[in-house]
Amino acid sequence: MTEHRSGAPAAAPTPYEQHDPSLLALAGGGHVAYRHLPGRAPTVVFLCGYGSEMTGTKARFLHRLCAQSGHAYLRFDYRGRGASSGRLEDGTIGTWTDDACAVIEAATGGPLVLVGSSMGGWIMLLVARRMPGRVQALVGVAPAPDFTEDGIWPRLPARERETLATRGVVHVPSRYSDEPYPVTLRLIEDGRERLQLRHRIPLDCPVRLIHGYRDEDVPWRTSLRLAARLRSSDVTVQIVGDGDHRLSRDADLALLARTLHGVLGVRGA
């Protein structure tokens, strides 16, 4: 569910990151930072995971891929991360879905292909349900719909659940960072209002799901559950036998490229 970057040194900025990101002012205050690459339709939109940023491996890889194919591309930081304003503790699934919709509406027009990684796979579904007329296809990478209810909540010991109820926040260790990540009561309660795997998901576009068999954060069966819930008749699930949650190795990125090229209709995919 979390995709924090490791403590390795940051890679040198790509040619697409030589300038500061654009900032979208939000009606309620604050801003969302984003980078938009102009190009032909459909626009590819990357939705990153919990605690991740638009400078992550997959986000930057997709930027290069779209630059090569000539497709428009959009990536952004949720409020509380990266160059966007706010605190991670104040965010919820609903808040970050609002962020995604706001920046998509402000920076793009026409058809979209949404690529959601981890928690971004949940956001991807919610955005597609708000914009069914624009979303042409979905690509999920270790998608984690309902992770607050199915992943975080069952793993919290009774003592931490009590702390969550009284203090509103607990800090949970992460395998991807030296720093624990915050889990708030608002995040859990908001997530319960937006669960997707308990009912039919009324989306009819093509959907491609990629999941690592060795994913220790979000079980690969989550993608099978998601595929079964989608109304679309054009859904495929690819299980990477030795893949983990991040799916950021060269071979994983090559699979993501082939999958995205397939839905975009890029020759040689």
Protein backbone atom coordinates (compact mmCIF):
# COMPACT_ATOMS: atom_id res chain seq x y z
CA MET A 1 0.00 0.00 0.00
CA THR A 2 2.84 2.43 0.72
CA GLU A 3 5.46 3.20 -1.88
CA HIS A 4 7.91 5.42 -0.08
CA ARG A 5 11.16 5.81 -1.91
CA SER A 6 14.19 4.15 -0.35
CA GLY A 7 17.06 6.03 1.23
CA ALA A 8 19.16 5.72 -1.95
CA PRO A 9 20.52 8.97 -3.42
CA ALA A 10 18.06 10.74 -5.69
CA ALA A 11 18.65 10.37 -9.41
CA ALA A 12 19.75 13.41 -11.41
CA PRO A 13 16.82 15.46 -12.73
CA THR A 14 15.55 14.42 -16.14
CA PRO A 15 15.26 17.02 -18.94
CA TYR A 16 11.58 17.22 -17.99
CA GLU A 17 12.45 18.42 -14.46
CA GLN A 18 14.77 21.32 -15.16
CA HIS A 19 12.04 23.82 -14.31
CA ASP A 20 9.78 24.16 -11.28
CA PRO A 21 6.45 22.32 -11.45
CA SER A 22 3.22 24.15 -12.15
CA LEU A 23 0.99 24.95 -9.17
CA LEU A 24 -2.79 24.66 -9.16
CA ALA A 25 -4.45 26.83 -6.52
CA LEU A 26 -7.27 25.01 -4.74
CA ALA A 27 -10.59 26.60 -3.86
CA GLY A 28 -10.22 25.72 -0.17
CA GLY A 29 -6.65 26.99 0.02
CA GLY A 30 -3.30 25.45 -0.73
CA HIS A 31 -2.07 24.09 -4.02
CA VAL A 32 -1.32 20.93 -5.97
CA ALA A 33 1.97 20.74 -7.86
CA TYR A 34 2.00 19.03 -11.25
CA ARG A 35 3.99 18.52 -14.43
CA HIS A 36 2.22 18.37 -17.78
CA LEU A 37 3.87 17.19 -20.98
CA PRO A 38 1.94 18.38 -24.07
CA GLY A 39 1.23 15.83 -26.76
CA ARG A 40 -1.45 13.95 -28.60
CA ALA A 41 -4.48 12.30 -27.09
CA PRO A 42 -5.22 10.39 -25.03
CA THR A 43 -3.44 12.03 -22.13
CA VAL A 44 -1.75 9.51 -19.83
CA VAL A 45 -2.29 10.41 -16.16
CA PHE A 46 -0.17 8.81 -13.44
CA LEU A 47 -1.67 8.40 -9.96
CA CYS A 48 1.00 7.45 -7.46
CA GLY A 49 0.78 5.52 -4.21
CA TYR A 50 0.40 6.58 -0.59
CA GLY A 51 3.42 8.61 0.47
CA SER A 52 4.89 8.62 -3.04
CA GLU A 53 5.66 11.61 -5.25
CA MET A 54 5.71 12.53 -8.92
CA THR A 55 9.50 12.21 -8.87
CA GLY A 56 9.27 8.45 -8.25
CA THR A 57 10.66 5.81 -10.58
CA LYS A 58 7.44 4.88 -12.38
CA ALA A 59 6.25 8.49 -12.66
CA ARG A 60 9.46 9.58 -14.36
CA PHE A 61 9.64 6.45 -16.49
CA LEU A 62 6.17 7.13 -17.88
CA HIS A 63 7.14 10.73 -18.60
CA ARG A 64 10.03 9.53 -20.76
CA LEU A 65 7.84 6.89 -22.40
CA CYS A 66 5.15 9.42 -23.34
CA ALA A 67 7.75 11.87 -24.61
CA GLN A 68 9.01 9.14 -26.94
CA SER A 69 5.55 8.18 -28.20
CA GLY A 70 4.32 11.77 -28.45
CA HIS A 71 1.43 11.34 -26.01
CA ALA A 72 0.44 14.00 -23.50
CA TYR A 73 1.30 13.10 -19.91
CA LEU A 74 0.30 14.40 -16.50
CA ARG A 75 1.77 13.60 -13.08
CA PHE A 76 1.27 15.42 -9.79
CA ASP A 77 1.80 15.34 -6.03
CA TYR A 78 -1.16 14.77 -3.74
CA ARG A 79 -1.63 17.36 -1.04
CA GLY A 80 0.79 16.60 1.77
CA ARG A 81 3.52 15.24 -0.51
CA GLY A 82 6.34 16.59 -2.64
CA ALA A 83 5.87 20.12 -3.94
CA SER A 84 2.17 20.29 -3.02
CA SER A 85 0.99 22.08 0.10
CA GLY A 86 -0.39 20.55 3.28
CA ARG A 87 0.44 17.60 5.52
CA LEU A 88 0.13 13.92 4.68
CA GLU A 89 -1.78 13.41 7.94
CA ASP A 90 -4.56 15.69 6.72
CA GLY A 91 -5.19 13.74 3.53
CA THR A 92 -7.84 11.11 2.81
CA ILE A 93 -8.84 9.00 -0.17
CA GLY A 94 -11.55 11.57 -0.91
CA THR A 95 -9.14 14.51 -0.60
CA TRP A 96 -6.64 12.95 -2.99
CA THR A 97 -9.38 11.99 -5.44
CA ASP A 98 -10.45 15.63 -5.43
CA ASP A 99 -6.83 16.64 -6.08
CA ALA A 100 -6.63 14.27 -9.04
CA CYS A 101 -9.88 15.47 -10.59
CA ALA A 102 -8.97 19.13 -10.08
CA VAL A 103 -5.59 18.91 -11.78
CA ILE A 104 -6.93 16.71 -14.59
CA GLU A 105 -9.69 19.21 -15.33
CA ALA A 106 -7.29 22.16 -15.15
CA ALA A 107 -4.42 20.74 -17.19
CA THR A 108 -6.02 18.40 -19.74
CA GLY A 109 -8.85 18.02 -22.21
CA GLY A 110 -10.17 15.08 -24.18
CA PRO A 111 -9.72 11.35 -23.57
CA LEU A 112 -7.58 9.95 -20.75
CA VAL A 113 -5.70 6.77 -19.88
CA LEU A 114 -5.25 6.49 -16.11
CA VAL A 115 -2.29 4.60 -14.65
CA GLY A 116 -2.70 3.96 -10.92
CA SER A 117 0.04 2.53 -8.72
CA SER A 118 -0.79 1.00 -5.33
CA MET A 119 -3.19 3.46 -3.63
CA GLY A 120 -3.29 5.24 -6.98
CA GLY A 121 -5.17 2.20 -8.28
CA TRP A 122 -7.97 3.06 -5.85
CA ILE A 123 -7.89 6.73 -6.81
CA MET A 124 -7.91 5.65 -10.46
CA LEU A 125 -11.23 3.86 -10.02
CA LEU A 126 -12.82 6.81 -8.23
CA VAL A 127 -11.63 9.30 -10.86
CA ALA A 128 -12.88 7.05 -13.67
CA ARG A 129 -16.30 6.86 -12.03
CA ARG A 130 -16.45 10.66 -11.91
CA MET A 131 -15.27 11.03 -15.52
CA PRO A 132 -16.62 7.98 -17.37
CA GLY A 133 -17.00 9.92 -20.61
CA ARG A 134 -13.32 10.85 -20.71
CA VAL A 135 -11.54 7.76 -19.43
CA GLN A 136 -10.54 5.51 -22.32
CA ALA A 137 -8.63 2.83 -20.37
CA LEU A 138 -7.17 1.98 -16.96
CA VAL A 139 -3.81 0.44 -16.09
CA GLY A 140 -3.31 -0.67 -12.48
CA VAL A 141 0.15 -1.46 -11.07
CA ALA A 142 -0.21 -3.42 -7.81
CA PRO A 143 -3.57 -1.67 -7.38
CA ALA A 144 -4.70 -1.31 -3.77
CA PRO A 145 -8.41 -0.43 -3.64
CA ASP A 146 -9.83 -0.63 -0.12
CA PHE A 147 -6.32 -0.94 1.39
CA THR A 148 -7.30 1.04 4.49
CA GLU A 149 -9.96 -1.53 5.37
CA ASP A 150 -8.34 -4.71 4.04
CA GLY A 151 -4.67 -3.92 4.66
CA ILE A 152 -4.13 -1.36 7.41
CA TRP A 153 -7.06 -1.97 9.75
CA PRO A 154 -6.66 -5.77 10.20
CA ARG A 155 -2.93 -5.34 10.94
CA LEU A 156 -3.38 -2.77 13.69
CA PRO A 157 -3.02 -4.30 17.19
CA ALA A 158 -5.80 -3.57 19.68
CA ARG A 159 -3.64 -1.03 21.52
CA GLU A 160 -2.99 0.96 18.34
CA ARG A 161 -6.69 0.88 17.46
CA GLU A 162 -7.39 2.40 20.86
CA THR A 163 -4.76 5.08 20.24
CA LEU A 164 -6.28 5.80 16.86
CA ALA A 165 -9.70 6.25 18.44
CA THR A 166 -8.45 8.57 21.20
CA ARG A 167 -5.68 10.52 19.49
CA GLY A 168 -6.77 10.30 15.87
CA VAL A 169 -3.42 9.09 14.53
CA VAL A 170 -0.87 6.30 14.88
CA HIS A 171 2.50 5.90 13.18
CA VAL A 172 3.17 2.58 11.47
CA PRO A 173 6.62 1.28 10.43
CA SER A 174 7.30 1.16 6.70
CA ARG A 175 9.51 -1.30 4.83
CA TYR A 176 10.29 1.47 2.32
CA SER A 177 11.43 4.24 4.63
CA ASP A 178 13.29 4.79 7.90
CA GLU A 179 10.41 6.98 8.98
CA PRO A 180 7.05 5.47 10.01
CA TYR A 181 4.02 6.64 8.07
CA PRO A 182 0.96 8.20 9.70
CA VAL A 183 -2.42 6.47 9.73
CA THR A 184 -5.29 8.69 10.81
CA LEU A 185 -8.80 7.91 11.93
CA ARG A 186 -10.02 10.23 9.17
CA LEU A 187 -8.19 8.14 6.57
CA ILE A 188 -9.80 4.93 7.83
CA GLU A 189 -13.30 6.38 8.12
CA ASP A 190 -13.14 8.17 4.78
CA GLY A 191 -11.88 4.99 3.14
CA ARG A 192 -14.90 3.09 4.43
CA GLU A 193 -17.15 5.47 2.53
CA ARG A 194 -15.31 4.76 -0.75
CA LEU A 195 -14.79 0.99 -0.73
CA GLN A 196 -14.85 -0.54 -4.22
CA LEU A 197 -14.45 -4.29 -3.81
CA ARG A 198 -17.75 -4.85 -1.96
CA HIS A 199 -19.97 -4.24 -4.99
CA ARG A 200 -20.08 -4.08 -8.78
CA ILE A 201 -17.88 -1.33 -10.22
CA PRO A 202 -19.77 0.38 -13.08
CA LEU A 203 -16.86 0.93 -15.46
CA ASP A 204 -16.87 -0.41 -19.01
CA CYS A 205 -13.51 0.69 -20.43
CA PRO A 206 -10.55 -1.68 -21.01
CA VAL A 207 -8.64 -2.42 -17.80
CA ARG A 208 -5.15 -3.88 -17.48
CA LEU A 209 -3.86 -4.97 -14.06
CA ILE A 210 -0.26 -5.90 -13.20
CA HIS A 211 0.59 -7.43 -9.82
CA GLY A 212 3.63 -9.05 -8.23
CA TYR A 213 3.18 -12.56 -6.87
CA ARG A 214 5.60 -11.71 -4.05
CA ASP A 215 3.83 -8.49 -3.08
CA GLU A 216 3.92 -8.44 0.73
CA ASP A 217 1.85 -5.26 1.06
CA VAL A 218 -1.11 -5.83 -1.27
CA PRO A 219 -1.81 -9.51 -2.06
CA TRP A 220 -1.88 -10.37 -5.77
CA ARG A 221 -5.38 -11.74 -5.26
CA THR A 222 -6.53 -8.13 -4.84
CA SER A 223 -6.18 -7.67 -8.60
CA LEU A 224 -8.27 -10.80 -9.17
CA ARG A 225 -10.95 -9.47 -6.82
CA LEU A 226 -10.90 -6.16 -8.67
CA ALA A 227 -11.17 -7.86 -12.06
CA ALA A 228 -14.20 -9.83 -10.83
CA ARG A 229 -15.94 -6.66 -9.60
CA LEU A 230 -15.48 -4.59 -12.75
CA ARG A 231 -18.42 -4.46 -15.15
CA SER A 232 -16.07 -4.18 -18.11
CA SER A 233 -15.77 -7.28 -20.30
CA ASP A 234 -12.24 -6.25 -21.36
CA VAL A 235 -10.11 -6.90 -18.27
CA THR A 236 -6.77 -8.70 -18.05
CA VAL A 237 -4.57 -9.48 -15.04
CA GLN A 238 -0.86 -10.14 -15.39
CA ILE A 239 0.91 -11.74 -12.40
CA VAL A 240 4.68 -11.19 -12.21
CA GLY A 241 6.03 -14.34 -10.60
CA ASP A 242 9.02 -12.76 -8.88
CA GLY A 243 7.56 -9.26 -8.60
CA ASP A 244 7.23 -7.33 -5.34
CA HIS A 245 4.94 -4.42 -4.51
CA ARG A 246 6.94 -1.67 -6.15
CA LEU A 247 7.37 -3.34 -9.57
CA SER A 248 10.10 -0.84 -10.43
CA ARG A 249 12.81 -3.13 -11.84
CA ASP A 250 13.80 -2.77 -15.48
CA ALA A 251 11.79 -5.86 -16.44
CA ASP A 252 8.74 -4.55 -14.53
CA LEU A 253 8.96 -1.17 -16.26
CA ALA A 254 9.30 -2.89 -19.65
CA LEU A 255 6.09 -4.81 -18.91
CA LEU A 256 4.37 -1.57 -17.91
CA ALA A 257 5.54 0.03 -21.17
CA ARG A 258 4.16 -2.85 -23.26
CA THR A 259 0.88 -2.78 -21.37
CA LEU A 260 0.44 0.97 -21.76
CA HIS A 261 1.44 0.87 -25.43
CA GLY A 262 -1.18 -1.82 -25.92
CA VAL A 263 -4.04 0.35 -24.68
CA LEU A 264 -2.66 3.38 -26.51
CA GLY A 265 -2.34 1.45 -29.75
CA VAL A 266 1.36 2.26 -30.11
CA ARG A 267 2.99 0.13 -32.81
CA GLY A 268 5.59 -2.36 -31.67
CA ALA A 269 3.89 -2.87 -28.28
